[in-house]
Amino acid sequence: MTSNARPTTRSPVLPALMTAMAAMVFMGGCAPVSIESRDRQALRAVRRIVVLPLTDAPHAEADGTGLSARGEIIEALFHLGGYDLINISPSEIEAAAEQAGYDVRDCYDPHVAAAVGRQLQADAVVCGELTHWKTRQEQQSSSVSVVSGRGTTTFHCVGVSVRIVRTSNAEIIYSGIGSGRAEKGYPLALKTAVKQGMADLRQFSRTRS
């Protein structure tokens, strides 16, 4: 029997893209960073949307962080409303990527993401990557009565880049970068980063007609 499946290909874009994104975030350390662009007319036309797994941060200990970010983005879109979120598992997305002839790890590439979205009959897809996922030690000054000193506080820092890609032509119609830090763990830092990265989309949704 002859198979119609195309050989899976890998995109060469990731190393340069991740380096550039990490540089933009690291210049400010864990400080808030927010860069957005959008096409309002294209966003208004989006109804069916699917969130793809984001690319993990470039550290061995960050395996699986892209799926965590996907969950936060799905929750954010659900609360925004106005979109028909396609409920699909990561394994089903992986299968759709294979059917399109790509590796699911390359969904950060807008052309790959759009091809996967077309397989899933989506108007647009959300893709992106975690730019960093690390801890940072900071010296803190303290003073209690006549006793003063300096202690060390550990912050969990997360950076995320989010894009919405129109599936018909692989055009990026929204992009945002966010970062967050928290003493109480990565989940809170991730929530802050995603909130920043989608801030302009949230503002757009308030005026969407």
Protein backbone atom coordinates (compact mmCIF):
# COMPACT_ATOMS: atom_id res chain seq x y z
CA MET A 1 0.00 0.00 0.00
CA THR A 2 1.31 3.44 -0.91
CA SER A 3 1.32 6.09 1.83
CA ASN A 4 0.34 9.68 1.02
CA ALA A 5 2.07 11.05 4.08
CA ARG A 6 4.87 13.49 3.41
CA PRO A 7 8.20 13.09 5.18
CA THR A 8 8.37 15.07 8.39
CA THR A 9 10.57 18.14 8.08
CA ARG A 10 12.24 20.32 10.70
CA SER A 11 12.37 24.09 10.45
CA PRO A 12 15.85 25.68 10.74
CA VAL A 13 14.51 28.91 12.25
CA LEU A 14 14.48 28.07 15.97
CA PRO A 15 18.12 28.71 17.07
CA ALA A 16 18.21 32.28 15.70
CA LEU A 17 14.66 33.03 16.84
CA MET A 18 15.22 31.80 20.38
CA THR A 19 18.49 33.73 20.65
CA ALA A 20 16.82 36.97 19.56
CA MET A 21 13.81 36.52 21.84
CA ALA A 22 15.96 35.63 24.84
CA ALA A 23 18.16 38.67 24.24
CA MET A 24 15.18 41.02 24.25
CA VAL A 25 13.92 39.60 27.54
CA PHE A 26 17.28 39.21 29.27
CA MET A 27 18.21 42.84 28.62
CA GLY A 28 15.65 43.68 31.26
CA GLY A 29 16.31 40.62 33.42
CA CYS A 30 12.95 39.76 34.94
CA ALA A 31 11.59 43.25 34.42
CA PRO A 32 8.24 43.51 32.57
CA VAL A 33 8.59 43.53 28.78
CA SER A 34 5.64 43.98 26.46
CA ILE A 35 5.85 44.31 22.66
CA GLU A 36 2.65 43.81 20.69
CA SER A 37 1.46 44.11 17.11
CA ARG A 38 -1.97 43.26 15.68
CA ASP A 39 -4.16 43.43 12.69
CA ARG A 40 -7.58 44.40 14.00
CA GLN A 41 -9.51 43.46 10.88
CA ALA A 42 -7.92 40.00 10.77
CA LEU A 43 -8.50 39.44 14.48
CA ARG A 44 -12.16 40.36 14.13
CA ALA A 45 -12.53 37.67 11.46
CA VAL A 46 -11.19 34.93 13.74
CA ARG A 47 -13.78 32.57 15.17
CA ARG A 48 -12.27 29.08 15.43
CA ILE A 49 -8.90 29.15 17.16
CA VAL A 50 -6.58 26.46 18.49
CA VAL A 51 -3.70 26.86 20.93
CA LEU A 52 -0.62 24.84 19.96
CA PRO A 53 2.05 23.70 22.43
CA LEU A 54 4.65 26.40 22.88
CA THR A 55 8.34 25.59 22.49
CA ASP A 56 9.98 24.76 25.82
CA ALA A 57 12.48 27.19 27.28
CA PRO A 58 16.08 26.40 26.21
CA HIS A 59 17.12 24.58 29.38
CA ALA A 60 17.08 20.86 30.15
CA GLU A 61 15.15 21.44 33.39
CA ALA A 62 12.45 23.32 31.45
CA ASP A 63 11.09 20.27 29.59
CA GLY A 64 7.30 20.44 29.45
CA THR A 65 7.08 24.18 30.10
CA GLY A 66 5.52 24.75 26.67
CA LEU A 67 2.52 22.62 27.63
CA SER A 68 2.15 24.56 30.88
CA ALA A 69 2.12 27.80 28.92
CA ARG A 70 -0.46 26.36 26.52
CA GLY A 71 -2.77 25.72 29.47
CA GLU A 72 -2.43 29.30 30.72
CA ILE A 73 -3.16 30.71 27.24
CA ILE A 74 -6.24 28.51 26.83
CA GLU A 75 -7.54 29.76 30.16
CA ALA A 76 -6.86 33.38 29.19
CA LEU A 77 -8.69 33.01 25.86
CA PHE A 78 -11.61 31.32 27.57
CA HIS A 79 -12.02 34.29 29.91
CA LEU A 80 -11.69 36.74 27.02
CA GLY A 81 -14.59 35.13 25.17
CA GLY A 82 -15.50 35.77 21.55
CA TYR A 83 -13.59 32.77 20.20
CA ASP A 84 -14.59 29.20 19.47
CA LEU A 85 -11.74 27.39 21.19
CA ILE A 86 -10.96 24.03 19.58
CA ASN A 87 -10.70 21.52 22.41
CA ILE A 88 -7.93 19.14 21.38
CA SER A 89 -5.23 17.16 23.15
CA PRO A 90 -1.47 17.55 22.57
CA SER A 91 -1.36 14.09 21.00
CA GLU A 92 -4.06 15.09 18.49
CA ILE A 93 -2.07 18.22 17.63
CA GLU A 94 1.02 16.06 17.12
CA ALA A 95 -0.96 13.82 14.76
CA ALA A 96 -2.20 16.86 12.81
CA ALA A 97 1.38 18.10 12.47
CA GLU A 98 2.47 14.72 11.11
CA GLN A 99 -0.40 14.75 8.61
CA ALA A 100 0.78 18.18 7.44
CA GLY A 101 4.31 16.80 7.05
CA TYR A 102 5.89 18.63 9.98
CA ASP A 103 7.29 18.04 13.45
CA VAL A 104 5.08 19.40 16.24
CA ARG A 105 8.22 20.87 17.87
CA ASP A 106 8.39 23.37 15.01
CA CYS A 107 5.01 24.98 15.65
CA TYR A 108 6.77 28.18 16.70
CA ASP A 109 7.30 28.71 12.95
CA PRO A 110 4.22 30.56 11.60
CA HIS A 111 4.19 28.54 8.36
CA VAL A 112 4.25 25.25 10.28
CA ALA A 113 1.66 26.52 12.76
CA ALA A 114 -0.66 27.63 9.94
CA ALA A 115 -0.37 24.25 8.21
CA VAL A 116 -1.28 22.45 11.43
CA GLY A 117 -4.17 24.85 11.98
CA ARG A 118 -5.54 24.13 8.53
CA GLN A 119 -5.52 20.43 9.37
CA LEU A 120 -7.65 21.28 12.40
CA GLN A 121 -9.99 23.59 10.42
CA ALA A 122 -9.04 26.61 12.53
CA ASP A 123 -9.17 30.24 11.40
CA ALA A 124 -6.11 31.02 13.50
CA VAL A 125 -3.61 29.36 15.81
CA VAL A 126 -1.75 30.53 18.88
CA CYS A 127 1.91 29.54 18.96
CA GLY A 128 5.16 30.80 20.46
CA GLU A 129 7.92 29.86 22.85
CA LEU A 130 9.18 30.19 26.41
CA THR A 131 12.22 32.47 26.22
CA HIS A 132 13.44 31.64 29.71
CA TRP A 133 12.48 29.62 32.76
CA LYS A 134 14.96 30.03 35.58
CA THR A 135 15.53 31.14 39.16
CA ARG A 136 17.34 34.31 40.14
CA GLN A 137 18.91 35.20 43.46
CA GLU A 138 18.59 38.78 44.72
CA GLN A 139 20.04 40.41 47.80
CA GLN A 140 17.44 41.95 50.06
CA SER A 141 18.12 44.49 52.82
CA SER A 142 16.25 44.10 56.08
CA SER A 143 16.10 45.96 59.37
CA VAL A 144 14.44 44.83 62.60
CA SER A 145 14.92 47.18 65.59
CA VAL A 146 18.67 47.65 65.93
CA VAL A 147 19.53 44.51 63.98
CA SER A 148 20.06 44.96 60.27
CA GLY A 149 21.39 42.68 57.58
CA ARG A 150 21.07 41.38 54.04
CA GLY A 151 19.31 38.20 52.98
CA THR A 152 18.91 36.39 49.67
CA THR A 153 15.53 35.93 48.00
CA THR A 154 14.93 33.44 45.21
CA PHE A 155 12.67 34.58 42.38
CA HIS A 156 11.22 32.28 39.72
CA CYS A 157 11.43 34.06 36.35
CA VAL A 158 9.54 33.19 33.16
CA GLY A 159 9.55 34.81 29.73
CA VAL A 160 7.05 34.05 26.98
CA SER A 161 6.50 35.06 23.36
CA VAL A 162 2.96 34.62 22.03
CA ARG A 163 1.77 34.91 18.43
CA ILE A 164 -1.58 34.48 16.69
CA VAL A 165 -1.19 33.27 13.11
CA ARG A 166 -3.90 33.33 10.44
CA THR A 167 -4.06 29.85 8.93
CA SER A 168 -5.03 30.94 5.42
CA ASN A 169 -1.71 32.66 4.71
CA ALA A 170 0.55 32.17 7.77
CA GLU A 171 0.37 35.90 8.57
CA ILE A 172 1.12 36.91 12.15
CA ILE A 173 -1.86 39.02 13.21
CA TYR A 174 -0.92 39.43 16.88
CA SER A 175 2.32 39.13 18.82
CA GLY A 176 3.22 39.84 22.41
CA ILE A 177 6.09 39.31 24.80
CA GLY A 178 5.71 39.05 28.53
CA SER A 179 7.78 38.19 31.56
CA GLY A 180 6.95 37.48 35.16
CA ARG A 181 8.67 36.65 38.40
CA ALA A 182 7.39 35.27 41.67
CA GLU A 183 8.81 34.10 44.96
CA LYS A 184 6.14 31.41 45.28
CA GLY A 185 7.04 29.36 42.21
CA TYR A 186 6.91 29.12 38.46
CA PRO A 187 3.10 28.84 38.01
CA LEU A 188 2.51 32.38 39.31
CA ALA A 189 5.41 33.76 37.26
CA LEU A 190 4.02 32.03 34.15
CA LYS A 191 0.55 33.45 34.74
CA THR A 192 2.02 36.96 34.96
CA ALA A 193 4.10 36.47 31.80
CA VAL A 194 1.11 35.21 29.78
CA LYS A 195 -1.04 38.06 31.06
CA GLN A 196 1.55 40.56 29.85
CA GLY A 197 2.01 38.82 26.53
CA MET A 198 -1.74 38.92 25.85
CA ALA A 199 -2.40 42.37 27.29
CA ASP A 200 -3.03 44.05 23.96
CA LEU A 201 -5.34 41.24 22.84
CA ARG A 202 -7.31 41.70 26.04
CA GLN A 203 -7.65 45.41 25.30
CA PHE A 204 -8.69 44.64 21.72
CA SER A 205 -11.33 42.15 22.91
CA ARG A 206 -13.01 44.84 25.01
CA THR A 207 -13.69 46.86 21.85
CA ARG A 208 -14.27 43.94 19.49
CA SER A 209 -17.52 44.27 17.57
